[in-house]
C-alpha cells in the first residue's frame, strides 16, 4: 500500500475488471470507503475493506501486509491505495468462497 498524492486519480473501471477477470493490472488505484471488523470466533482480528474506483465498489478481506499496515495506522477510511496483488472469489447464491482464495494485498 502506498499513500497517494492529491494528483493521483482512481483507476476507472477497476472494480468491474476485478469481478469480471482474475487478472488486474498492478498499480490499480482505489479508495478505501470503509473498514469493518469481521466477527470471528477466534482471538484473531479480521477486517473487511470497502473499496471503490469512483463509480463501483467491492469488498475485500484484509490480511497479511494489508492487515498489518491498517493496524499500524498506515492507511484507513478515505485513504487512496495502490493494489499490488489480489485474488477474487465470486460466490453464487448460497455457496461459500473457495478456500484457495488469496486475500487482497496492498503495495507496501
N, C-alpha and C. Protein backbone atom coordinates (compact mmCIF):
# COMPACT_ATOMS: atom_id res chain seq x y z
N UNK A 1 0.84 -1.16 0.00
CA UNK A 1 0.00 0.00 0.00
C UNK A 1 0.89 1.22 0.00
N UNK A 2 0.60 2.14 -0.88
CA UNK A 2 1.31 3.40 -0.88
C UNK A 2 0.31 4.52 -0.68
N UNK A 3 0.75 5.59 -0.07
CA UNK A 3 -0.10 6.76 0.10
C UNK A 3 0.02 7.60 -1.15
N UNK A 4 -1.11 7.95 -1.73
CA UNK A 4 -1.11 8.69 -2.98
C UNK A 4 -1.09 10.19 -2.74
N UNK A 5 -0.52 10.93 -3.68
CA UNK A 5 -0.53 12.39 -3.61
C UNK A 5 -1.89 12.89 -4.08
N UNK A 6 -2.22 14.17 -3.84
CA UNK A 6 -3.52 14.69 -4.26
C UNK A 6 -3.75 14.62 -5.77
N UNK A 7 -2.69 14.50 -6.57
CA UNK A 7 -2.83 14.46 -8.02
C UNK A 7 -3.14 13.07 -8.57
N UNK A 8 -3.16 12.06 -7.72
CA UNK A 8 -3.43 10.69 -8.15
C UNK A 8 -4.93 10.53 -8.41
N UNK A 9 -5.27 9.84 -9.50
CA UNK A 9 -6.68 9.57 -9.79
C UNK A 9 -6.95 8.08 -9.62
N UNK A 10 -8.20 7.76 -9.31
CA UNK A 10 -8.61 6.37 -9.16
C UNK A 10 -8.61 5.70 -10.53
N UNK A 11 -8.40 4.39 -10.55
CA UNK A 11 -8.38 3.63 -11.80
C UNK A 11 -9.81 3.34 -12.22
N UNK A 12 -10.28 4.05 -13.22
CA UNK A 12 -11.66 3.91 -13.70
C UNK A 12 -11.93 2.50 -14.19
N UNK A 13 -13.03 1.91 -13.75
CA UNK A 13 -13.43 0.58 -14.19
C UNK A 13 -12.72 -0.57 -13.50
N UNK A 14 -11.87 -0.28 -12.52
CA UNK A 14 -11.09 -1.34 -11.87
C UNK A 14 -11.96 -2.36 -11.15
N UNK A 15 -13.00 -1.91 -10.46
CA UNK A 15 -13.85 -2.85 -9.72
C UNK A 15 -14.56 -3.80 -10.67
N UNK A 16 -15.07 -3.29 -11.78
CA UNK A 16 -15.70 -4.16 -12.77
C UNK A 16 -14.71 -5.19 -13.30
N UNK A 17 -13.47 -4.77 -13.54
CA UNK A 17 -12.45 -5.71 -14.01
C UNK A 17 -12.12 -6.76 -12.96
N UNK A 18 -12.08 -6.35 -11.69
CA UNK A 18 -11.79 -7.30 -10.62
C UNK A 18 -12.84 -8.40 -10.55
N UNK A 19 -14.08 -8.04 -10.83
CA UNK A 19 -15.18 -9.01 -10.77
C UNK A 19 -15.22 -9.86 -12.04
N UNK A 20 -14.94 -9.26 -13.19
CA UNK A 20 -15.07 -9.97 -14.46
C UNK A 20 -13.87 -10.83 -14.81
N UNK A 21 -12.70 -10.49 -14.30
CA UNK A 21 -11.48 -11.17 -14.72
C UNK A 21 -10.60 -11.49 -13.52
N UNK A 22 -9.91 -12.62 -13.56
CA UNK A 22 -8.99 -12.94 -12.46
C UNK A 22 -7.70 -12.13 -12.52
N UNK A 23 -7.52 -11.35 -13.58
CA UNK A 23 -6.27 -10.60 -13.77
C UNK A 23 -6.57 -9.11 -13.68
N UNK A 24 -5.78 -8.41 -12.89
CA UNK A 24 -5.90 -6.96 -12.76
C UNK A 24 -4.50 -6.38 -12.88
N UNK A 25 -4.39 -5.29 -13.60
CA UNK A 25 -3.08 -4.66 -13.76
C UNK A 25 -2.55 -4.19 -12.42
N UNK A 26 -1.27 -4.43 -12.19
CA UNK A 26 -0.64 -3.93 -10.97
C UNK A 26 -0.66 -2.41 -11.01
N UNK A 27 -0.74 -1.81 -9.85
CA UNK A 27 -0.77 -0.35 -9.79
C UNK A 27 -2.17 0.22 -9.86
N UNK A 28 -3.19 -0.63 -9.75
CA UNK A 28 -4.57 -0.17 -9.74
C UNK A 28 -4.81 0.67 -8.49
N UNK A 29 -5.36 1.86 -8.67
CA UNK A 29 -5.57 2.79 -7.57
C UNK A 29 -7.04 2.84 -7.18
N UNK A 30 -7.32 2.57 -5.90
CA UNK A 30 -8.69 2.56 -5.38
C UNK A 30 -8.76 3.38 -4.10
N UNK A 31 -9.98 3.74 -3.71
CA UNK A 31 -10.19 4.46 -2.45
C UNK A 31 -10.83 3.52 -1.43
N UNK A 32 -10.37 3.60 -0.20
CA UNK A 32 -10.96 2.83 0.90
C UNK A 32 -12.14 3.64 1.44
N UNK A 33 -13.36 3.14 1.22
CA UNK A 33 -14.55 3.84 1.69
C UNK A 33 -14.87 3.53 3.15
N UNK A 34 -14.57 2.32 3.58
CA UNK A 34 -14.84 1.92 4.96
C UNK A 34 -14.01 0.70 5.30
N UNK A 35 -13.76 0.49 6.57
CA UNK A 35 -13.11 -0.72 7.06
C UNK A 35 -13.95 -1.22 8.23
N UNK A 36 -14.41 -2.46 8.11
CA UNK A 36 -15.33 -3.02 9.08
C UNK A 36 -14.74 -4.27 9.73
N UNK A 37 -14.94 -4.44 11.03
CA UNK A 37 -14.48 -5.67 11.67
C UNK A 37 -15.35 -6.85 11.24
N UNK A 38 -14.74 -8.01 11.14
CA UNK A 38 -15.46 -9.24 10.83
C UNK A 38 -15.52 -10.05 12.12
N UNK A 39 -16.71 -10.42 12.51
CA UNK A 39 -16.88 -11.21 13.74
C UNK A 39 -16.42 -12.64 13.50
N UNK A 40 -15.43 -13.06 14.26
CA UNK A 40 -14.92 -14.43 14.20
C UNK A 40 -14.97 -15.02 15.60
N UNK A 41 -15.01 -16.30 15.67
CA UNK A 41 -14.98 -16.98 16.96
C UNK A 41 -13.55 -17.36 17.33
N UNK A 42 -12.61 -16.46 17.03
CA UNK A 42 -11.20 -16.68 17.35
C UNK A 42 -10.63 -15.43 18.00
N UNK A 43 -9.42 -15.53 18.50
CA UNK A 43 -8.76 -14.38 19.11
C UNK A 43 -8.15 -13.44 18.07
N UNK A 44 -8.11 -13.86 16.81
CA UNK A 44 -7.51 -13.08 15.74
C UNK A 44 -8.48 -12.02 15.24
N UNK A 45 -7.99 -10.79 15.06
CA UNK A 45 -8.80 -9.73 14.48
C UNK A 45 -8.89 -9.93 12.98
N UNK A 46 -10.06 -9.67 12.42
CA UNK A 46 -10.24 -9.75 10.98
C UNK A 46 -11.02 -8.51 10.54
N UNK A 47 -10.67 -8.00 9.37
CA UNK A 47 -11.31 -6.79 8.86
C UNK A 47 -11.63 -6.94 7.38
N UNK A 48 -12.66 -6.20 6.96
CA UNK A 48 -13.08 -6.15 5.57
C UNK A 48 -13.03 -4.69 5.13
N UNK A 49 -12.45 -4.45 3.97
CA UNK A 49 -12.39 -3.10 3.42
C UNK A 49 -13.42 -2.96 2.31
N UNK A 50 -14.06 -1.80 2.25
CA UNK A 50 -14.95 -1.45 1.15
C UNK A 50 -14.12 -0.55 0.24
N UNK A 51 -13.90 -1.00 -1.00
CA UNK A 51 -13.03 -0.32 -1.95
C UNK A 51 -13.82 0.21 -3.14
N UNK A 52 -13.43 1.38 -3.66
CA UNK A 52 -14.14 1.98 -4.78
C UNK A 52 -13.17 2.49 -5.83
N UNK A 53 -13.62 2.42 -7.09
CA UNK A 53 -12.86 3.01 -8.19
C UNK A 53 -13.46 4.36 -8.59
N UNK A 54 -14.36 4.87 -7.77
CA UNK A 54 -15.02 6.14 -8.05
C UNK A 54 -16.41 5.98 -8.62
N UNK A 55 -16.72 4.78 -9.13
CA UNK A 55 -18.04 4.51 -9.68
C UNK A 55 -18.66 3.28 -9.03
N UNK A 56 -17.90 2.21 -8.92
CA UNK A 56 -18.37 0.96 -8.34
C UNK A 56 -17.59 0.66 -7.06
N UNK A 57 -18.13 -0.25 -6.26
CA UNK A 57 -17.43 -0.65 -5.04
C UNK A 57 -17.47 -2.16 -4.89
N UNK A 58 -16.54 -2.67 -4.08
CA UNK A 58 -16.47 -4.08 -3.76
C UNK A 58 -15.89 -4.21 -2.35
N UNK A 59 -15.91 -5.40 -1.82
CA UNK A 59 -15.31 -5.62 -0.50
C UNK A 59 -14.11 -6.54 -0.64
N UNK A 60 -13.21 -6.44 0.31
CA UNK A 60 -12.01 -7.28 0.32
C UNK A 60 -11.64 -7.59 1.76
N UNK A 61 -11.20 -8.81 1.98
CA UNK A 61 -10.71 -9.21 3.30
C UNK A 61 -9.27 -8.72 3.44
N UNK A 62 -8.97 -8.12 4.57
CA UNK A 62 -7.60 -7.65 4.83
C UNK A 62 -6.85 -8.70 5.62
N UNK A 63 -5.70 -9.09 5.14
CA UNK A 63 -4.79 -9.92 5.93
C UNK A 63 -3.38 -9.73 5.41
N UNK A 64 -2.44 -10.37 6.04
CA UNK A 64 -1.04 -10.21 5.63
C UNK A 64 -0.60 -8.77 5.76
N UNK A 65 0.09 -8.27 4.73
CA UNK A 65 0.62 -6.91 4.74
C UNK A 65 -0.47 -5.87 4.84
N UNK A 66 -1.60 -6.11 4.18
CA UNK A 66 -2.70 -5.14 4.21
C UNK A 66 -3.25 -4.98 5.62
N UNK A 67 -3.40 -6.08 6.34
CA UNK A 67 -3.90 -6.02 7.71
C UNK A 67 -2.87 -5.36 8.63
N UNK A 68 -1.61 -5.74 8.49
CA UNK A 68 -0.55 -5.15 9.32
C UNK A 68 -0.46 -3.64 9.10
N UNK A 69 -0.56 -3.20 7.84
CA UNK A 69 -0.49 -1.77 7.54
C UNK A 69 -1.69 -1.02 8.13
N UNK A 70 -2.87 -1.62 8.06
CA UNK A 70 -4.06 -0.99 8.65
C UNK A 70 -3.93 -0.88 10.17
N UNK A 71 -3.57 -1.98 10.81
CA UNK A 71 -3.43 -1.98 12.27
C UNK A 71 -2.30 -1.05 12.72
N UNK A 72 -1.31 -0.85 11.87
CA UNK A 72 -0.20 0.04 12.17
C UNK A 72 -0.49 1.51 11.86
N UNK A 73 -1.68 1.80 11.36
CA UNK A 73 -2.07 3.18 11.09
C UNK A 73 -1.56 3.76 9.79
N UNK A 74 -1.09 2.91 8.87
CA UNK A 74 -0.55 3.41 7.60
C UNK A 74 -1.64 3.83 6.62
N UNK A 75 -2.84 3.35 6.78
CA UNK A 75 -3.97 3.78 5.97
C UNK A 75 -5.25 3.52 6.74
N UNK A 76 -6.33 4.08 6.25
CA UNK A 76 -7.62 3.92 6.91
C UNK A 76 -8.74 4.35 5.97
N UNK A 77 -9.88 4.69 6.55
CA UNK A 77 -11.03 5.12 5.76
C UNK A 77 -10.66 6.40 5.00
N UNK A 78 -11.08 6.47 3.75
CA UNK A 78 -10.82 7.56 2.81
C UNK A 78 -9.41 7.57 2.25
N UNK A 79 -8.57 6.62 2.61
CA UNK A 79 -7.23 6.53 2.04
C UNK A 79 -7.31 6.10 0.58
N UNK A 80 -6.33 6.52 -0.20
CA UNK A 80 -6.16 6.07 -1.57
C UNK A 80 -5.04 5.03 -1.54
N UNK A 81 -5.31 3.84 -2.09
CA UNK A 81 -4.34 2.75 -2.04
C UNK A 81 -4.05 2.23 -3.44
N UNK A 82 -2.88 1.66 -3.60
CA UNK A 82 -2.47 1.04 -4.85
C UNK A 82 -2.44 -0.47 -4.62
N UNK A 83 -3.18 -1.21 -5.44
CA UNK A 83 -3.29 -2.66 -5.28
C UNK A 83 -2.07 -3.33 -5.89
N UNK A 84 -1.42 -4.18 -5.12
CA UNK A 84 -0.26 -4.93 -5.60
C UNK A 84 -0.66 -6.34 -6.02
N UNK A 85 -1.57 -6.96 -5.27
CA UNK A 85 -1.93 -8.34 -5.54
C UNK A 85 -3.32 -8.60 -4.98
N UNK A 86 -4.09 -9.43 -5.66
CA UNK A 86 -5.40 -9.79 -5.13
C UNK A 86 -5.85 -11.08 -5.78
N UNK A 87 -6.82 -11.70 -5.18
CA UNK A 87 -7.50 -12.85 -5.78
C UNK A 87 -8.98 -12.67 -5.53
N UNK A 88 -9.77 -13.06 -6.47
CA UNK A 88 -11.21 -12.88 -6.30
C UNK A 88 -11.86 -14.22 -6.00
N UNK A 89 -12.99 -14.15 -5.38
CA UNK A 89 -13.77 -15.34 -5.08
C UNK A 89 -15.24 -14.97 -5.23
N UNK A 90 -15.76 -15.20 -6.42
CA UNK A 90 -17.15 -14.87 -6.70
C UNK A 90 -18.01 -16.04 -6.25
N UNK A 91 -19.03 -15.76 -5.47
CA UNK A 91 -19.88 -16.82 -4.93
C UNK A 91 -21.27 -16.75 -5.54
N UNK A 92 -21.80 -17.89 -5.89
CA UNK A 92 -23.19 -17.98 -6.31
C UNK A 92 -24.05 -17.96 -5.05
N UNK A 93 -25.29 -17.60 -5.20
CA UNK A 93 -26.19 -17.53 -4.05
C UNK A 93 -26.20 -18.86 -3.30
N UNK A 94 -25.95 -18.79 -2.00
CA UNK A 94 -25.99 -19.99 -1.16
C UNK A 94 -24.70 -20.78 -1.12
N UNK A 95 -23.66 -20.34 -1.84
CA UNK A 95 -22.39 -21.07 -1.85
C UNK A 95 -21.35 -20.32 -1.03
N UNK A 96 -20.31 -21.03 -0.62
CA UNK A 96 -19.22 -20.44 0.14
C UNK A 96 -18.04 -20.16 -0.78
N UNK A 97 -17.19 -19.27 -0.34
CA UNK A 97 -16.00 -18.92 -1.12
C UNK A 97 -15.01 -20.07 -1.14
N UNK A 98 -14.22 -20.12 -2.19
CA UNK A 98 -13.17 -21.12 -2.29
C UNK A 98 -12.13 -20.90 -1.21
N UNK A 99 -11.66 -21.97 -0.60
CA UNK A 99 -10.63 -21.85 0.43
C UNK A 99 -9.27 -21.57 -0.19
N UNK A 100 -9.16 -21.64 -1.52
CA UNK A 100 -7.89 -21.37 -2.19
C UNK A 100 -7.68 -19.89 -2.46
N UNK A 101 -8.67 -19.05 -2.19
CA UNK A 101 -8.56 -17.62 -2.49
C UNK A 101 -7.46 -16.97 -1.67
N UNK A 102 -6.69 -16.13 -2.32
CA UNK A 102 -5.65 -15.36 -1.64
C UNK A 102 -6.20 -13.96 -1.45
N UNK A 103 -6.31 -13.47 -0.21
CA UNK A 103 -6.89 -12.15 0.01
C UNK A 103 -6.07 -11.01 -0.59
N UNK A 104 -6.70 -9.88 -0.69
CA UNK A 104 -6.13 -8.67 -1.24
C UNK A 104 -4.86 -8.25 -0.51
N UNK A 105 -3.88 -7.79 -1.26
CA UNK A 105 -2.65 -7.25 -0.68
C UNK A 105 -2.42 -5.86 -1.24
N UNK A 106 -2.07 -4.91 -0.38
CA UNK A 106 -1.74 -3.57 -0.82
C UNK A 106 -0.23 -3.46 -0.98
N UNK A 107 0.18 -2.57 -1.84
CA UNK A 107 1.61 -2.33 -2.03
C UNK A 107 2.18 -1.65 -0.79
N UNK A 108 3.27 -2.19 -0.28
CA UNK A 108 3.88 -1.63 0.94
C UNK A 108 4.95 -0.63 0.60
